Amino acid sequence: MLDRAKIGEVFPTFVVPVETGRLRFFAKSIGEKNPIYTDESAARDAGYKALPAPPTFPMVLDMESDSDLPPEVEVLKMDVGRILHGSQEFEYFGQVYAGDDISVSRKLVDVFDKKNGALEFVVTETSYTNQEHQLLAKARCTLVYRNA
């Protein structure tokens, strides 16, 4: 069983610059055809101050931490081979733009089990804040952990 005493743990915050080329690449990789995500003039004509990030882009920022694994995997000493990504939900309060420096803050908010402990669910919440200290988005991620 995973250590429920870790619920509430806050992981180190890190800052990620949002680069124009990266936004264009992400938009293309998800099949986004709307030019506001790849053409700066189209974005400005649509009323944006710069290239906006596609809605699910913030999850890419999570991967810029110093570790190759999400912090909860290390803190809970989870075997990577027994983890399944269960779900990801986003809540938006503002827009991420090219040129922003986004602070990524993550905490462990819940660990619970089902099937008499055969499956455990690890829930984290991540906040994305720009250089002007505006909270732009929150993500809630659930990992499913299969006990042996």
Foldseek 3Di string as FASTA:
>chain_A
DFDFVQAFPKDDKDKDAAALVVQLVVCVVVPNDQCLSNDQVSVVVVPHPGRWHPPVVVVVVQCPDPDNDRVVCVVRVADVVFKDWDDKDKDFDAIDHHGWIKIKIKGWHDWDAPPVRQKIKTKMKIWIATPVRDTTMMMITIMIGGDD
